[in-house]
Protein backbone atom coordinates (compact mmCIF):
# COMPACT_ATOMS: atom_id res chain seq x y z
CA UNK A 1 -0.16 0.17 0.16
CA UNK A 2 1.12 3.66 -0.52
CA UNK A 3 2.53 5.54 2.34
CA UNK A 4 0.99 8.40 3.64
CA UNK A 5 4.48 10.63 3.08
CA UNK A 6 3.94 9.73 -0.56
CA UNK A 7 0.21 10.30 -0.97
CA UNK A 8 -0.88 12.73 1.49
CA UNK A 9 0.92 16.06 -0.17
CA UNK A 10 -0.59 15.20 -3.45
CA UNK A 11 -4.17 15.31 -2.15
CA UNK A 12 -3.22 18.90 -0.72
CA UNK A 13 -2.09 20.03 -4.30
CA UNK A 14 -5.07 18.75 -6.07
CA UNK A 15 -7.72 20.28 -3.58
CA UNK A 16 -5.70 23.60 -3.15
CA UNK A 17 -6.66 23.49 0.41
CA UNK A 18 -4.89 22.31 3.52
CA UNK A 19 -7.42 19.61 4.43
CA UNK A 20 -6.50 18.78 7.97
CA UNK A 21 -6.60 22.59 8.74
CA UNK A 22 -9.65 23.18 6.87
CA UNK A 23 -11.66 20.05 8.51
CA UNK A 24 -10.38 20.56 11.77
CA UNK A 25 -11.86 24.29 11.65
CA UNK A 26 -15.14 22.71 10.22
CA UNK A 27 -15.17 20.01 13.30
CA UNK A 28 -14.28 22.61 15.80
CA UNK A 29 -17.06 24.76 15.03
CA UNK A 30 -19.67 22.10 14.79
CA UNK A 31 -18.30 20.65 17.97
CA UNK A 32 -19.15 24.03 19.78
CA UNK A 33 -22.77 23.41 19.16
CA UNK A 34 -22.82 19.28 19.38
CA UNK A 35 -20.73 19.25 22.27
CA UNK A 36 -18.79 15.89 23.26
CA UNK A 37 -19.53 14.26 19.90
CA UNK A 38 -16.33 14.36 17.66
CA UNK A 39 -17.12 10.95 16.12
CA UNK A 40 -20.74 11.65 15.25
CA UNK A 41 -19.46 14.68 13.58
CA UNK A 42 -16.80 13.54 11.50
CA UNK A 43 -19.32 10.24 10.35
CA UNK A 44 -21.71 12.97 9.33
CA UNK A 45 -19.36 14.78 7.15
CA UNK A 46 -17.98 11.68 5.63
CA UNK A 47 -21.62 10.62 4.85
CA UNK A 48 -22.03 13.76 3.00
CA UNK A 49 -18.69 13.95 1.01
CA UNK A 50 -19.24 10.69 0.02
CA UNK A 51 -22.49 11.89 -1.75
CA UNK A 52 -24.74 9.59 0.69
CA UNK A 53 -27.52 10.26 2.88
CA UNK A 54 -27.68 9.64 6.58
CA UNK A 55 -30.13 8.09 9.09
CA UNK A 56 -30.11 8.90 12.71
CA UNK A 57 -31.70 6.72 14.82
CA UNK A 58 -32.31 8.16 18.44
CA UNK A 59 -34.45 9.31 21.25
CA UNK A 60 -36.05 13.05 21.38
CA UNK A 61 -34.06 15.33 22.76
CA UNK A 62 -30.66 14.42 22.02
CA UNK A 63 -29.99 16.78 19.37
CA UNK A 64 -30.68 15.20 15.93
CA UNK A 65 -32.15 18.52 14.41
CA UNK A 66 -29.41 20.99 15.74
CA UNK A 67 -26.83 18.54 14.10
CA UNK A 68 -28.40 19.04 10.73
CA UNK A 69 -28.65 22.75 11.10
CA UNK A 70 -25.20 23.34 12.29
CA UNK A 71 -23.84 21.09 9.48
CA UNK A 72 -25.79 23.01 6.78
CA UNK A 73 -24.78 26.47 8.35
CA UNK A 74 -20.71 25.40 8.73
CA UNK A 75 -21.07 24.09 5.17
CA UNK A 76 -22.72 27.20 3.53
CA UNK A 77 -25.52 24.97 2.10
CA UNK A 78 -29.49 26.05 2.10
CA UNK A 79 -31.42 23.87 5.10
CA UNK A 80 -35.10 23.09 4.89
CA UNK A 81 -36.69 20.64 7.75
CA UNK A 82 -39.95 18.86 7.35
CA UNK A 83 -41.75 17.31 10.07
CA UNK A 84 -42.73 13.90 9.15
CA UNK A 85 -46.58 13.16 10.34
CA UNK A 86 -48.97 10.19 9.60
CA UNK A 87 -51.55 12.33 7.44
CA UNK A 88 -48.31 13.97 5.37
CA UNK A 89 -48.71 13.41 1.58
CA UNK A 90 -45.99 13.47 -0.87
CA UNK A 91 -47.24 16.53 -2.28
CA UNK A 92 -46.07 18.21 0.92
CA UNK A 93 -42.32 17.50 0.30
CA UNK A 94 -41.96 17.38 -3.25
CA UNK A 95 -44.46 20.50 -4.02
CA UNK A 96 -47.66 20.70 -6.05
CA UNK A 97 -48.99 22.68 -8.96
CA UNK A 98 -51.78 25.28 -8.05
CA UNK A 99 -53.92 27.01 -10.50
CA UNK A 100 -53.45 30.89 -10.66
CA UNK A 101 -56.16 32.90 -12.08
CA UNK A 102 -54.02 35.77 -12.91
CA UNK A 103 -51.84 33.83 -15.25
CA UNK A 104 -54.89 31.20 -16.30
CA UNK A 105 -52.77 28.36 -15.75
CA UNK A 106 -50.93 25.89 -12.84
CA UNK A 107 -48.07 27.23 -11.42
CA UNK A 108 -45.39 24.71 -9.67
CA UNK A 109 -44.78 25.52 -6.15
CA UNK A 110 -41.65 23.55 -5.17
CA UNK A 111 -41.81 21.73 -1.61
CA UNK A 112 -39.20 21.72 1.19
CA UNK A 113 -37.19 18.74 -1.07
CA UNK A 114 -35.71 21.90 -3.33
CA UNK A 115 -32.73 22.47 -1.15
CA UNK A 116 -29.38 21.31 -0.61
CA UNK A 117 -29.39 19.96 3.23
CA UNK A 118 -32.90 18.39 3.93
CA UNK A 119 -33.93 17.38 7.55
CA UNK A 120 -36.39 14.55 7.21
CA UNK A 121 -37.63 14.74 11.19
CA UNK A 122 -39.11 11.73 12.38
CA UNK A 123 -39.44 9.77 8.98
CA UNK A 124 -40.96 6.86 10.55
CA UNK A 125 -43.86 8.77 11.55
CA UNK A 126 -44.64 9.35 7.57
CA UNK A 127 -46.97 6.81 5.94
CA UNK A 128 -44.81 4.34 3.58
CA UNK A 129 -46.04 5.95 0.11
CA UNK A 130 -44.70 9.54 1.61
CA UNK A 131 -41.34 7.78 2.79
CA UNK A 132 -41.28 6.45 -0.51
CA UNK A 133 -41.62 9.86 -2.44
CA UNK A 134 -38.62 11.22 -0.42
CA UNK A 135 -36.80 8.15 -0.96
CA UNK A 136 -36.86 8.24 -4.49
CA UNK A 137 -35.47 11.81 -4.57
CA UNK A 138 -32.54 10.78 -2.77
CA UNK A 139 -31.82 7.98 -5.01
CA UNK A 140 -32.21 9.84 -8.43
CA UNK A 141 -31.68 13.59 -6.99
CA UNK A 142 -34.69 14.53 -9.12
CA UNK A 143 -38.39 14.44 -8.74
CA UNK A 144 -40.99 13.47 -11.55
CA UNK A 145 -44.07 15.67 -10.86
CA UNK A 146 -47.15 15.78 -13.29
CA UNK A 147 -44.91 14.22 -15.69
CA UNK A 148 -42.37 16.68 -15.65
CA UNK A 149 -38.60 15.71 -14.31
CA UNK A 150 -36.90 18.51 -12.23
CA UNK A 151 -33.77 18.32 -10.80
CA UNK A 152 -33.11 18.83 -7.08
CA UNK A 153 -30.06 21.52 -5.95
CA UNK A 154 -26.61 20.14 -5.38
CA UNK A 155 -25.15 19.08 -3.43
CA UNK A 156 -28.34 17.14 -2.14
CA UNK A 157 -27.88 15.79 1.36
CA UNK A 158 -30.81 14.09 3.48
CA UNK A 159 -30.69 13.64 7.32
CA UNK A 160 -33.67 11.56 8.27
CA UNK A 161 -34.03 11.06 12.04
CA UNK A 162 -36.18 8.09 13.37
CA UNK A 163 -37.31 7.06 16.63
CA UNK A 164 -36.71 4.06 18.09
CA UNK A 165 -39.48 1.68 16.40
CA UNK A 166 -40.98 0.50 19.94
CA UNK A 167 -42.44 3.76 19.89
CA UNK A 168 -46.19 4.35 19.16
CA UNK A 169 -47.28 5.67 15.80
CA UNK A 170 -44.30 4.61 13.36
CA UNK A 171 -44.16 2.93 10.07
CA UNK A 172 -40.66 0.87 9.96
CA UNK A 173 -38.61 1.55 6.91
CA UNK A 174 -38.57 -1.46 4.90
CA UNK A 175 -35.49 -3.13 3.73
CA UNK A 176 -35.07 -1.56 0.12
CA UNK A 177 -35.43 1.90 1.50
CA UNK A 178 -32.86 1.59 4.44
CA UNK A 179 -30.56 0.67 1.69
CA UNK A 180 -30.75 4.23 0.34
CA UNK A 181 -28.95 5.78 3.36
CA UNK A 182 -25.23 5.48 2.99
CA UNK A 183 -24.97 5.47 6.78
CA UNK A 184 -26.90 4.87 10.27
CA UNK A 185 -25.78 6.43 13.38
CA UNK A 186 -26.94 7.49 16.61
CA UNK A 187 -26.06 10.81 18.59
CA UNK A 188 -26.51 9.15 21.86
CA UNK A 189 -26.44 10.96 25.35
CA UNK A 190 -23.40 13.57 26.19
CA UNK A 191 -20.92 12.46 28.71
CA UNK A 192 -20.87 14.19 32.00
CA UNK A 193 -18.70 17.45 31.25
CA UNK A 194 -20.31 17.75 27.90
CA UNK A 195 -23.92 17.98 29.49
CA UNK A 196 -22.65 20.12 32.42
CA UNK A 197 -21.88 22.82 30.05
CA UNK A 198 -24.75 22.17 28.29
CA UNK A 199 -27.08 22.72 31.29
CA UNK A 200 -24.78 25.47 32.53
CA UNK A 201 -25.05 27.56 29.51
CA UNK A 202 -28.70 27.07 28.80
CA UNK A 203 -28.82 25.32 25.54
CA UNK A 204 -26.77 26.05 22.52
CA UNK A 205 -29.18 28.64 21.04
CA UNK A 206 -26.14 31.69 20.97
CA UNK A 207 -23.67 28.86 19.71
CA UNK A 208 -26.11 28.16 16.73
CA UNK A 209 -26.60 31.61 15.79
CA UNK A 210 -22.66 32.23 15.81
CA UNK A 211 -22.07 29.52 13.31
CA UNK A 212 -20.43 30.85 10.14
CA UNK A 213 -19.66 29.06 6.57
CA UNK A 214 -16.37 27.43 6.43
CA UNK A 215 -17.29 26.09 3.13
CA UNK A 216 -19.64 26.62 0.13
CA UNK A 217 -21.76 24.73 -2.25
CA UNK A 218 -19.25 24.92 -5.12
CA UNK A 219 -16.42 23.59 -2.81
CA UNK A 220 -18.35 21.25 -1.04
CA UNK A 221 -19.49 19.52 -4.84
CA UNK A 222 -15.95 19.87 -5.73
CA UNK A 223 -14.53 17.93 -2.87
CA UNK A 224 -17.12 15.28 -3.53
CA UNK A 225 -15.75 14.50 -6.71
CA UNK A 226 -12.23 14.36 -4.93
CA UNK A 227 -13.16 12.15 -2.66
CA UNK A 228 -13.75 9.61 -6.23
CA UNK A 229 -9.92 9.93 -6.35
CA UNK A 230 -8.95 8.24 -3.16
CA UNK A 231 -6.94 5.41 -3.58
CA UNK A 232 -8.16 1.80 -2.94
CA UNK A 233 -5.81 -0.98 -3.53
CA UNK A 234 -6.30 -4.35 -5.12
CA UNK A 235 -5.72 -5.90 -1.41
CA UNK A 236 -8.53 -3.44 0.01
CA UNK A 237 -10.89 -4.48 -2.53
CA UNK A 238 -10.37 -7.98 -1.86
CA UNK A 239 -10.64 -7.27 1.77
CA UNK A 240 -14.08 -5.79 1.52
CA UNK A 241 -15.13 -8.67 -1.02
CA UNK A 242 -14.11 -10.92 1.89
CA UNK A 243 -16.38 -8.99 4.41
CA UNK A 244 -19.41 -9.33 1.93
CA UNK A 245 -18.72 -13.01 1.23
CA UNK A 246 -18.33 -13.54 5.38
CA UNK A 247 -22.13 -11.89 5.69
CA UNK A 248 -23.29 -14.15 3.23
CA UNK A 249 -22.07 -17.38 4.33
CA UNK A 250 -22.55 -16.77 8.29
CA UNK A 251 -24.89 -18.33 10.15
CA UNK A 252 -25.30 -15.20 12.20
CA UNK A 253 -27.00 -13.37 9.30
CA UNK A 254 -30.57 -13.99 7.60
CA UNK A 255 -29.07 -12.40 4.41
CA UNK A 256 -25.70 -11.29 3.45
CA UNK A 257 -24.40 -7.52 2.20
CA UNK A 258 -24.92 -6.87 -1.50
CA UNK A 259 -22.61 -5.49 -4.01
CA UNK A 260 -24.11 -2.18 -3.43
CA UNK A 261 -23.14 -2.28 0.13
CA UNK A 262 -19.95 -3.11 -1.00
CA UNK A 263 -19.85 0.08 -2.83
CA UNK A 264 -21.01 1.88 -0.10
CA UNK A 265 -18.47 0.71 2.26
CA UNK A 266 -15.73 1.71 -0.01
CA UNK A 267 -17.22 5.43 -0.63
CA UNK A 268 -17.67 6.04 2.97
CA UNK A 269 -13.95 4.66 3.76
CA UNK A 270 -12.83 7.24 1.03
CA UNK A 271 -14.72 10.05 2.35
CA UNK A 272 -13.51 9.18 5.98
CA UNK A 273 -9.97 9.32 4.99
CA UNK A 274 -10.38 12.50 2.69
CA UNK A 275 -11.69 14.55 5.74
CA UNK A 276 -8.66 13.28 7.60
CA UNK A 277 -6.27 14.53 4.68
CA UNK A 278 -5.05 11.01 3.39
CA UNK A 279 -4.88 10.08 -0.12
CA UNK A 280 -5.40 6.45 0.29
CA UNK A 281 -7.89 3.89 2.33
CA UNK A 282 -6.31 1.36 5.04
CA UNK A 283 -8.19 -1.60 6.41
CA UNK A 284 -8.70 0.15 9.60
CA UNK A 285 -10.37 3.07 7.82
CA UNK A 286 -13.11 0.34 6.24
CA UNK A 287 -13.45 -1.13 10.28
CA UNK A 288 -13.90 2.50 11.15
CA UNK A 289 -17.01 2.98 8.54
CA UNK A 290 -18.52 -0.70 8.47
CA UNK A 291 -20.62 -1.09 11.32
CA UNK A 292 -22.45 2.59 10.02
CA UNK A 293 -22.84 1.40 6.65
CA UNK A 294 -23.87 -2.42 7.28
CA UNK A 295 -25.52 -2.30 10.22
CA UNK A 296 -28.99 -1.11 9.04
CA UNK A 297 -28.43 -3.56 5.71
CA UNK A 298 -28.14 -6.99 7.75
CA UNK A 299 -30.69 -8.90 9.50
CA UNK A 300 -29.84 -11.51 12.26
CA UNK A 301 -30.71 -15.11 11.48
CA UNK A 302 -33.07 -15.07 14.37
CA UNK A 303 -35.13 -12.00 12.99
CA UNK A 304 -32.60 -9.29 14.78
CA UNK A 305 -33.46 -6.06 13.15
CA UNK A 306 -30.12 -4.50 12.33
CA UNK A 307 -26.71 -4.49 14.46
CA UNK A 308 -25.26 -2.07 16.59
CA UNK A 309 -21.63 -1.03 15.83
CA UNK A 310 -20.04 -2.99 18.73
CA UNK A 311 -22.13 -5.76 18.17
CA UNK A 312 -21.59 -6.08 14.10
CA UNK A 313 -17.57 -5.29 14.63
CA UNK A 314 -17.49 -8.21 16.97
CA UNK A 315 -18.95 -10.80 14.19
CA UNK A 316 -16.36 -9.32 11.70
CA UNK A 317 -13.43 -9.74 13.65
CA UNK A 318 -12.72 -13.46 12.30
CA UNK A 319 -12.63 -11.73 8.54
CA UNK A 320 -8.44 -11.77 7.75
CA UNK A 321 -7.21 -8.25 7.64
CA UNK A 322 -4.67 -7.90 4.61
CA UNK A 323 -1.04 -7.39 5.50
């Protein structure tokens, strides 16, 4: 595999930026709002720069909405939020055509999906029909309404939040729709020191108002293309294949990971090393993102609905790591 000394400077020259400094500034600003959650912040950034979408599953009041707002503000992207409910219709997200007497015709009014960062709050409270309308937009980066296809602004990134399925009034996302999300993660309770700071300052409203863009839409889109240039050796690709094959043969899983899941693992690993200023992927980078990419795509042989990160890594440690 290439060495860090030979490859990292090349990435800096291509991008025209000191990536390590730029992302350190980005993470530091987001971290002033999302206290004590450096790993979750990095995962969210990696998901965006890999051109994926993020599913955050956690209890209410943890900071899911705040994460989406500060991420959009720091990256200089437009932001919209939709609160999913059981009576929401697809048009409430995509938009509708309304007859206007002045023009004598129908005029399309875009819905909140026409943005760059969309927070779909409590997506599993929406009906399957409404969920499908949003997830189609995520896959195609466009929507077709009344026979006309309309492209969505780029870069387009969806953060969907999901309450635990045991809560009342939820419609579980089917496996085919869960697969549209590159990563699934959770924020979790803050550590004691971070929670003390949060309580002492009465929330993070002032810090959120002070967020200033570090990026802009053009720079984000350019960096997303640079992620595709990150080097992955043949040995590393074989390692990902070994992981896919293990899930297909292991008695722990009802169904194994698909080739699309393998592409998702590699995309997430490339983005993870990119935000750390490197130009090549190591096996430990794959291991880092793997639980968040594969956990929601796997089902246990005894009916288990997904795997937590620690639990999944324990099962996959038996896959040999290339030297």
